[in-house]
Amino acid sequence: MVIKTNKTYIGNLTESQDEDCFQFSLKEKRKVRIVFSHAKQNSDYTFWNVSLLGESDGALTEIQSTGLTAKQYSDYVRLPAGNYYIRIVSNSWSDIDYSIRVITQQEKTKTEDEDNDDYGSATKIALGTRITGNIQSDSDVDFYKFILKKRTNVKVTFTHNPADSNYTFWQITLYSEESGDGLANNDGDSVVYIQGNSRKNITSTWKLLPAGTYYIKVEDNSYNNDDYKLKIS
């Protein structure tokens, strides 16, 4: 069934082997999340597995909805223009109605280009530009690429909304085109770890890096879907 974004649809798995599929299209890059709702049930069984799929990738984000969870939001994902699919299957079957809604948001700031999970697909970032990204799943990795035209000091500023947690949510590593290992910053750290309760802006500096191509790798340590901002100067 073809659906429109930002509109609610009602569905039902009529039997345990039933499967519902919905298709929607994006004409340009959007920030996307799914809302899945149903009447509250007195059971903590997982009744529905909801997956957001692309044309060829595996699940981009998922929801496992129990009877007790009457309304649930998926993690945010940033998706390029294209066709996407929502697949709903039963786990412990229930025949009550559910509702599904795809929320899309156009962003005014520069954002990462998914899929940027490797060096070859790294999002290009110009010096002095701030870019917004997020770790979309516990297997997601974000790569960014920038070029130095001459030997210079490099400062990387990572901005996030502080959380009431001392878990390390993000770790950042800087690589050159030639290096297999992370480059140590002025503090001697080749990996920068950022906790949820760290200050809002975390800055690391690398002294006099030679001209060339460089990559920044952002990955999760303890998974957090919140947005972050990255600036290289």
C-alpha atoms as a PDB file:
ATOM      1  CA  MET A   1       0.000   0.000   0.000  1.00  0.00           C
ATOM      2  CA  VAL A   2       1.365   3.405  -0.965  1.00  0.00           C
ATOM      3  CA  ILE A   3       1.063   5.988   1.804  1.00  0.00           C
ATOM      4  CA  LYS A   4       1.808   9.672   2.245  1.00  0.00           C
ATOM      5  CA  THR A   5       4.134  11.009   4.905  1.00  0.00           C
ATOM      6  CA  ASN A   6       2.786  12.913   7.921  1.00  0.00           C
ATOM      7  CA  LYS A   7      -0.563  11.131   7.643  1.00  0.00           C
ATOM      8  CA  THR A   8      -1.959   8.380   9.901  1.00  0.00           C
ATOM      9  CA  TYR A   9      -3.071   4.989   8.546  1.00  0.00           C
ATOM     10  CA  ILE A  10      -4.908   2.138  10.288  1.00  0.00           C
ATOM     11  CA  GLY A  11      -3.934  -1.499   9.810  1.00  0.00           C
ATOM     12  CA  ASN A  12      -4.491  -4.943  11.240  1.00  0.00           C
ATOM     13  CA  LEU A  13      -2.715  -8.296  11.139  1.00  0.00           C
ATOM     14  CA  THR A  14      -5.672 -10.600  10.527  1.00  0.00           C
ATOM     15  CA  GLU A  15      -3.761 -13.806  11.282  1.00  0.00           C
ATOM     16  CA  SER A  16      -0.426 -14.817  12.780  1.00  0.00           C
ATOM     17  CA  GLN A  17       1.239 -15.228   9.366  1.00  0.00           C
ATOM     18  CA  ASP A  18      -0.102 -11.930   8.013  1.00  0.00           C
ATOM     19  CA  GLU A  19       2.334  -9.216   6.931  1.00  0.00           C
ATOM     20  CA  ASP A  20       1.554  -5.574   6.165  1.00  0.00           C
ATOM     21  CA  CYS A  21       3.759  -3.499   3.865  1.00  0.00           C
ATOM     22  CA  PHE A  22       3.573   0.232   3.229  1.00  0.00           C
ATOM     23  CA  GLN A  23       5.553   2.266   0.702  1.00  0.00           C
ATOM     24  CA  PHE A  24       6.354   5.966   0.795  1.00  0.00           C
ATOM     25  CA  SER A  25       8.605   8.226  -1.257  1.00  0.00           C
ATOM     26  CA  LEU A  26      10.881  11.128  -0.405  1.00  0.00           C
ATOM     27  CA  LYS A  27      11.566  13.732  -3.084  1.00  0.00           C
ATOM     28  CA  GLU A  28      14.552  15.100  -1.170  1.00  0.00           C
ATOM     29  CA  LYS A  29      16.558  14.368   1.955  1.00  0.00           C
ATOM     30  CA  ARG A  30      14.481  14.325   5.132  1.00  0.00           C
ATOM     31  CA  LYS A  31      14.776  13.521   8.810  1.00  0.00           C
ATOM     32  CA  VAL A  32      12.363  10.630   9.385  1.00  0.00           C
ATOM     33  CA  ARG A  33      10.823   8.703  12.256  1.00  0.00           C
ATOM     34  CA  ILE A  34       7.907   6.264  12.575  1.00  0.00           C
ATOM     35  CA  VAL A  35       5.066   6.480  15.088  1.00  0.00           C
ATOM     36  CA  PHE A  36       3.317   3.180  15.866  1.00  0.00           C
ATOM     37  CA  SER A  37       0.217   3.131  18.112  1.00  0.00           C
ATOM     38  CA  HIS A  38      -2.426   0.685  19.319  1.00  0.00           C
ATOM     39  CA  ALA A  39      -4.911   0.249  22.146  1.00  0.00           C
ATOM     40  CA  LYS A  40      -3.092  -0.611  25.363  1.00  0.00           C
ATOM     41  CA  GLN A  41      -3.143  -4.325  26.243  1.00  0.00           C
ATOM     42  CA  ASN A  42      -2.528  -6.033  29.577  1.00  0.00           C
ATOM     43  CA  SER A  43       0.462  -7.960  28.251  1.00  0.00           C
ATOM     44  CA  ASP A  44       4.181  -7.322  27.966  1.00  0.00           C
ATOM     45  CA  TYR A  45       4.474  -9.662  24.964  1.00  0.00           C
ATOM     46  CA  THR A  46       5.934  -8.139  21.800  1.00  0.00           C
ATOM     47  CA  PHE A  47       3.000  -8.282  19.373  1.00  0.00           C
ATOM     48  CA  TRP A  48       4.399  -6.308  16.414  1.00  0.00           C
ATOM     49  CA  ASN A  49       7.801  -5.960  14.768  1.00  0.00           C
ATOM     50  CA  VAL A  50       7.977  -2.819  12.638  1.00  0.00           C
ATOM     51  CA  SER A  51      10.887  -2.264  10.227  1.00  0.00           C
ATOM     52  CA  LEU A  52      11.775   0.685   8.004  1.00  0.00           C
ATOM     53  CA  LEU A  53      13.534  -0.562   4.861  1.00  0.00           C
ATOM     54  CA  GLY A  54      15.257   0.990   1.866  1.00  0.00           C
ATOM     55  CA  GLU A  55      15.492  -0.386  -1.661  1.00  0.00           C
ATOM     56  CA  SER A  56      18.475  -2.598  -0.882  1.00  0.00           C
ATOM     57  CA  ASP A  57      19.682  -2.065   2.686  1.00  0.00           C
ATOM     58  CA  GLY A  58      18.599  -3.971   5.749  1.00  0.00           C
ATOM     59  CA  ALA A  59      16.415  -2.363   8.391  1.00  0.00           C
ATOM     60  CA  LEU A  60      17.133   1.354   8.771  1.00  0.00           C
ATOM     61  CA  THR A  61      15.297   1.523  12.090  1.00  0.00           C
ATOM     62  CA  GLU A  62      12.934  -0.784  13.952  1.00  0.00           C
ATOM     63  CA  ILE A  63      10.204  -0.842  16.590  1.00  0.00           C
ATOM     64  CA  GLN A  64       9.288  -3.814  18.765  1.00  0.00           C
ATOM     65  CA  SER A  65       5.879  -2.957  20.199  1.00  0.00           C
ATOM     66  CA  THR A  66       4.508  -4.715  23.273  1.00  0.00           C
ATOM     67  CA  GLY A  67       0.899  -4.758  24.408  1.00  0.00           C
ATOM     68  CA  LEU A  68       1.737  -2.350  27.224  1.00  0.00           C
ATOM     69  CA  THR A  69       3.392   0.203  24.933  1.00  0.00           C
ATOM     70  CA  ALA A  70       0.422   1.981  23.386  1.00  0.00           C
ATOM     71  CA  LYS A  71       2.492   4.530  21.456  1.00  0.00           C
ATOM     72  CA  GLN A  72       6.077   4.185  20.347  1.00  0.00           C
ATOM     73  CA  TYR A  73       8.490   6.267  18.281  1.00  0.00           C
ATOM     74  CA  SER A  74      11.358   4.891  16.241  1.00  0.00           C
ATOM     75  CA  ASP A  75      14.802   6.428  16.335  1.00  0.00           C
ATOM     76  CA  TYR A  76      15.403   9.302  13.931  1.00  0.00           C
ATOM     77  CA  VAL A  77      17.060   8.490  10.609  1.00  0.00           C
ATOM     78  CA  ARG A  78      18.216  10.869   7.877  1.00  0.00           C
ATOM     79  CA  LEU A  79      17.274   9.528   4.461  1.00  0.00           C
ATOM     80  CA  PRO A  80      18.063  10.692   0.914  1.00  0.00           C
ATOM     81  CA  ALA A  81      15.410  10.965  -1.794  1.00  0.00           C
ATOM     82  CA  GLY A  82      14.021   7.582  -2.804  1.00  0.00           C
ATOM     83  CA  ASN A  83      11.449   4.906  -2.090  1.00  0.00           C
ATOM     84  CA  TYR A  84      11.100   3.367   1.361  1.00  0.00           C
ATOM     85  CA  TYR A  85       9.045   0.596   2.907  1.00  0.00           C
ATOM     86  CA  ILE A  86       7.530  -0.204   6.286  1.00  0.00           C
ATOM     87  CA  ARG A  87       7.111  -3.899   7.085  1.00  0.00           C
ATOM     88  CA  ILE A  88       4.905  -5.007   9.980  1.00  0.00           C
ATOM     89  CA  VAL A  89       4.859  -8.639  11.117  1.00  0.00           C
ATOM     90  CA  SER A  90       3.551 -10.368  14.219  1.00  0.00           C
ATOM     91  CA  ASN A  91       5.666 -11.718  17.020  1.00  0.00           C
ATOM     92  CA  SER A  92       3.104 -12.852  19.570  1.00  0.00           C
ATOM     93  CA  TRP A  93       0.059 -12.310  17.408  1.00  0.00           C
ATOM     94  CA  SER A  94      -2.706  -9.801  18.162  1.00  0.00           C
ATOM     95  CA  ASP A  95      -5.585  -8.953  15.831  1.00  0.00           C
ATOM     96  CA  ILE A  96      -6.355  -5.500  17.249  1.00  0.00           C
ATOM     97  CA  ASP A  97      -5.965  -2.459  15.007  1.00  0.00           C
ATOM     98  CA  TYR A  98      -2.788  -0.415  14.959  1.00  0.00           C
ATOM     99  CA  SER A  99      -1.982   2.991  13.488  1.00  0.00           C
ATOM    100  CA  ILE A 100       1.178   3.951  11.616  1.00  0.00           C
ATOM    101  CA  ARG A 101       2.497   7.376  10.720  1.00  0.00           C
ATOM    102  CA  VAL A 102       5.726   8.454   8.990  1.00  0.00           C
ATOM    103  CA  ILE A 103       6.887  11.825  10.297  1.00  0.00           C
ATOM    104  CA  THR A 104       9.265  13.732   8.025  1.00  0.00           C
ATOM    105  CA  GLN A 105      11.123  16.936   8.740  1.00  0.00           C
ATOM    106  CA  GLN A 106      13.010  19.238   6.385  1.00  0.00           C
ATOM    107  CA  GLU A 107      16.158  20.603   7.984  1.00  0.00           C
ATOM    108  CA  LYS A 108      17.572  24.051   7.354  1.00  0.00           C
ATOM    109  CA  THR A 109      21.074  23.287   8.588  1.00  0.00           C
ATOM    110  CA  LYS A 110      23.702  21.203   6.764  1.00  0.00           C
ATOM    111  CA  THR A 111      23.394  17.549   7.718  1.00  0.00           C
ATOM    112  CA  GLU A 112      25.322  14.344   7.135  1.00  0.00           C
ATOM    113  CA  ASP A 113      24.668  12.293   4.017  1.00  0.00           C
ATOM    114  CA  GLU A 114      23.629   8.753   4.875  1.00  0.00           C
ATOM    115  CA  ASP A 115      24.876   6.181   4.030  1.00  0.00           C
ATOM    116  CA  ASN A 116      28.289   7.517   5.211  1.00  0.00           C
ATOM    117  CA  ASP A 117      29.436   4.368   6.986  1.00  0.00           C
ATOM    118  CA  ASP A 118      32.849   4.088   5.326  1.00  0.00           C
ATOM    119  CA  TYR A 119      35.724   6.168   3.978  1.00  0.00           C
ATOM    120  CA  GLY A 120      34.497   5.929   0.386  1.00  0.00           C
ATOM    121  CA  SER A 121      31.063   7.348   1.267  1.00  0.00           C
ATOM    122  CA  ALA A 122      32.243   9.925   3.804  1.00  0.00           C
ATOM    123  CA  THR A 123      30.281  13.177   3.987  1.00  0.00           C
ATOM    124  CA  LYS A 124      32.430  16.067   2.744  1.00  0.00           C
ATOM    125  CA  ILE A 125      32.773  18.963   5.139  1.00  0.00           C
ATOM    126  CA  ALA A 126      34.462  22.310   4.484  1.00  0.00           C
ATOM    127  CA  LEU A 127      36.646  23.977   7.091  1.00  0.00           C
ATOM    128  CA  GLY A 128      34.628  26.351   9.241  1.00  0.00           C
ATOM    129  CA  THR A 129      31.332  24.594   8.451  1.00  0.00           C
ATOM    130  CA  ARG A 130      29.129  23.070  11.140  1.00  0.00           C
ATOM    131  CA  ILE A 131      27.291  19.881  10.223  1.00  0.00           C
ATOM    132  CA  THR A 132      24.578  17.958  12.091  1.00  0.00           C
ATOM    133  CA  GLY A 133      24.477  14.175  12.357  1.00  0.00           C
ATOM    134  CA  ASN A 134      23.319  11.349  14.577  1.00  0.00           C
ATOM    135  CA  ILE A 135      24.084   7.706  15.170  1.00  0.00           C
ATOM    136  CA  GLN A 136      21.026   6.052  13.634  1.00  0.00           C
ATOM    137  CA  SER A 137      21.463   2.576  15.129  1.00  0.00           C
ATOM    138  CA  ASP A 138      23.917   0.751  17.352  1.00  0.00           C
ATOM    139  CA  SER A 139      25.711  -0.433  14.196  1.00  0.00           C
ATOM    140  CA  ASP A 140      25.867   2.994  12.518  1.00  0.00           C
ATOM    141  CA  VAL A 141      29.172   4.814  11.961  1.00  0.00           C
ATOM    142  CA  ASP A 142      29.524   8.334  10.551  1.00  0.00           C
ATOM    143  CA  PHE A 143      32.536   9.309   8.434  1.00  0.00           C
ATOM    144  CA  TYR A 144      33.413  12.872   7.423  1.00  0.00           C
ATOM    145  CA  LYS A 145      36.065  13.964   4.943  1.00  0.00           C
ATOM    146  CA  PHE A 146      37.973  17.239   4.727  1.00  0.00           C
ATOM    147  CA  ILE A 147      41.003  18.512   2.850  1.00  0.00           C
ATOM    148  CA  LEU A 148      43.903  20.656   4.048  1.00  0.00           C
ATOM    149  CA  LYS A 149      45.624  22.658   1.325  1.00  0.00           C
ATOM    150  CA  LYS A 150      48.576  23.533   3.546  1.00  0.00           C
ATOM    151  CA  ARG A 151      50.107  22.575   6.870  1.00  0.00           C
ATOM    152  CA  THR A 152      47.860  23.906   9.602  1.00  0.00           C
ATOM    153  CA  ASN A 153      46.460  23.370  13.073  1.00  0.00           C
ATOM    154  CA  VAL A 154      43.094  21.596  13.109  1.00  0.00           C
ATOM    155  CA  LYS A 155      40.433  22.060  15.775  1.00  0.00           C
ATOM    156  CA  VAL A 156      37.424  19.731  15.946  1.00  0.00           C
ATOM    157  CA  THR A 157      34.441  20.882  18.006  1.00  0.00           C
ATOM    158  CA  PHE A 158      31.782  18.318  18.929  1.00  0.00           C
ATOM    159  CA  THR A 159      28.519  19.749  20.282  1.00  0.00           C
ATOM    160  CA  HIS A 160      25.711  17.783  21.927  1.00  0.00           C
ATOM    161  CA  ASN A 161      22.878  18.323  24.373  1.00  0.00           C
ATOM    162  CA  PRO A 162      24.168  17.169  27.774  1.00  0.00           C
ATOM    163  CA  ALA A 163      22.327  14.197  29.276  1.00  0.00           C
ATOM    164  CA  ASP A 164      22.067  13.005  32.863  1.00  0.00           C
ATOM    165  CA  SER A 165      24.358  10.063  32.235  1.00  0.00           C
ATOM    166  CA  ASN A 166      28.049   9.311  32.629  1.00  0.00           C
ATOM    167  CA  TYR A 167      27.917   6.722  29.840  1.00  0.00           C
ATOM    168  CA  THR A 168      30.281   7.335  26.938  1.00  0.00           C
ATOM    169  CA  PHE A 169      27.878   7.894  24.036  1.00  0.00           C
ATOM    170  CA  TRP A 170      30.292   8.939  21.267  1.00  0.00           C
ATOM    171  CA  GLN A 171      33.904   8.429  20.324  1.00  0.00           C
ATOM    172  CA  ILE A 172      35.778  10.391  17.669  1.00  0.00           C
ATOM    173  CA  THR A 173      38.894   9.421  15.741  1.00  0.00           C
ATOM    174  CA  LEU A 174      40.860  11.445  13.178  1.00  0.00           C
ATOM    175  CA  TYR A 175      42.664   9.646  10.339  1.00  0.00           C
ATOM    176  CA  SER A 176      44.858  10.835   7.505  1.00  0.00           C
ATOM    177  CA  GLU A 177      44.662   9.300   4.028  1.00  0.00           C
ATOM    178  CA  GLU A 178      47.829   7.357   4.783  1.00  0.00           C
ATOM    179  CA  SER A 179      47.310   6.414   8.436  1.00  0.00           C
ATOM    180  CA  GLY A 180      45.831   3.149   9.608  1.00  0.00           C
ATOM    181  CA  ASP A 181      45.715   4.320  13.204  1.00  0.00           C
ATOM    182  CA  GLY A 182      44.037   7.359  14.683  1.00  0.00           C
ATOM    183  CA  LEU A 183      46.145  10.512  14.888  1.00  0.00           C
ATOM    184  CA  ALA A 184      46.984  11.626  18.422  1.00  0.00           C
ATOM    185  CA  ASN A 185      45.765  15.106  19.354  1.00  0.00           C
ATOM    186  CA  ASN A 186      47.636  17.659  21.452  1.00  0.00           C
ATOM    187  CA  ASP A 187      46.603  15.799  24.609  1.00  0.00           C
ATOM    188  CA  GLY A 188      48.096  12.577  23.262  1.00  0.00           C
ATOM    189  CA  ASP A 189      44.707  10.960  22.679  1.00  0.00           C
ATOM    190  CA  SER A 190      44.046   9.086  19.424  1.00  0.00           C
ATOM    191  CA  VAL A 191      40.377   8.595  20.404  1.00  0.00           C
ATOM    192  CA  VAL A 192      38.225  11.301  22.004  1.00  0.00           C
ATOM    193  CA  TYR A 193      35.493   9.925  24.282  1.00  0.00           C
ATOM    194  CA  ILE A 194      32.374  11.977  24.996  1.00  0.00           C
ATOM    195  CA  GLN A 195      30.057  11.200  27.879  1.00  0.00           C
ATOM    196  CA  GLY A 196      26.410  12.162  28.101  1.00  0.00           C
ATOM    197  CA  ASN A 197      27.107  14.545  30.973  1.00  0.00           C
ATOM    198  CA  SER A 198      30.190  16.089  29.345  1.00  0.00           C
ATOM    199  CA  ARG A 199      30.055  19.820  28.713  1.00  0.00           C
ATOM    200  CA  LYS A 200      28.072  20.864  25.646  1.00  0.00           C
ATOM    201  CA  ASN A 201      31.086  21.717  23.442  1.00  0.00           C
ATOM    202  CA  ILE A 202      34.081  19.370  23.365  1.00  0.00           C
ATOM    203  CA  THR A 203      37.125  20.661  21.487  1.00  0.00           C
ATOM    204  CA  SER A 204      40.214  18.738  20.385  1.00  0.00           C
ATOM    205  CA  THR A 205      43.222  20.176  18.555  1.00  0.00           C
ATOM    206  CA  TRP A 206      45.810  18.579  16.282  1.00  0.00           C
ATOM    207  CA  LYS A 207      48.956  20.639  15.742  1.00  0.00           C
ATOM    208  CA  LEU A 208      50.383  21.397  12.289  1.00  0.00           C
ATOM    209  CA  LEU A 209      48.866  18.626  10.217  1.00  0.00           C
ATOM    210  CA  PRO A 210      50.399  18.458   6.721  1.00  0.00           C
ATOM    211  CA  ALA A 211      48.388  19.159   3.575  1.00  0.00           C
ATOM    212  CA  GLY A 212      46.249  16.222   2.516  1.00  0.00           C
ATOM    213  CA  THR A 213      42.947  14.409   2.939  1.00  0.00           C
ATOM    214  CA  TYR A 214      41.614  13.583   6.399  1.00  0.00           C
ATOM    215  CA  TYR A 215      38.683  11.646   7.832  1.00  0.00           C
ATOM    216  CA  ILE A 216      36.768  11.935  11.083  1.00  0.00           C
ATOM    217  CA  LYS A 217      35.010   8.828  12.347  1.00  0.00           C
ATOM    218  CA  VAL A 218      32.124   9.220  14.803  1.00  0.00           C
ATOM    219  CA  GLU A 219      30.807   6.028  16.378  1.00  0.00           C
ATOM    220  CA  ASP A 220      28.805   5.021  19.399  1.00  0.00           C
ATOM    221  CA  ASN A 221      30.116   3.536  22.588  1.00  0.00           C
ATOM    222  CA  SER A 222      26.844   3.306  24.501  1.00  0.00           C
ATOM    223  CA  TYR A 223      24.135   3.926  21.907  1.00  0.00           C
ATOM    224  CA  ASN A 224      22.434   7.332  21.791  1.00  0.00           C
ATOM    225  CA  ASN A 225      20.245   8.545  18.895  1.00  0.00           C
ATOM    226  CA  ASP A 226      20.454  12.266  19.754  1.00  0.00           C
ATOM    227  CA  ASP A 227      21.760  14.765  17.227  1.00  0.00           C
ATOM    228  CA  TYR A 228      25.295  16.089  17.466  1.00  0.00           C
ATOM    229  CA  LYS A 229      27.058  18.913  15.645  1.00  0.00           C
ATOM    230  CA  LEU A 230      30.575  18.742  14.248  1.00  0.00           C
ATOM    231  CA  LYS A 231      32.782  21.645  13.189  1.00  0.00           C
ATOM    232  CA  ILE A 232      36.317  21.560  11.800  1.00  0.00           C
ATOM    233  CA  SER A 233      38.355  24.758  11.907  1.00  0.00           C
END
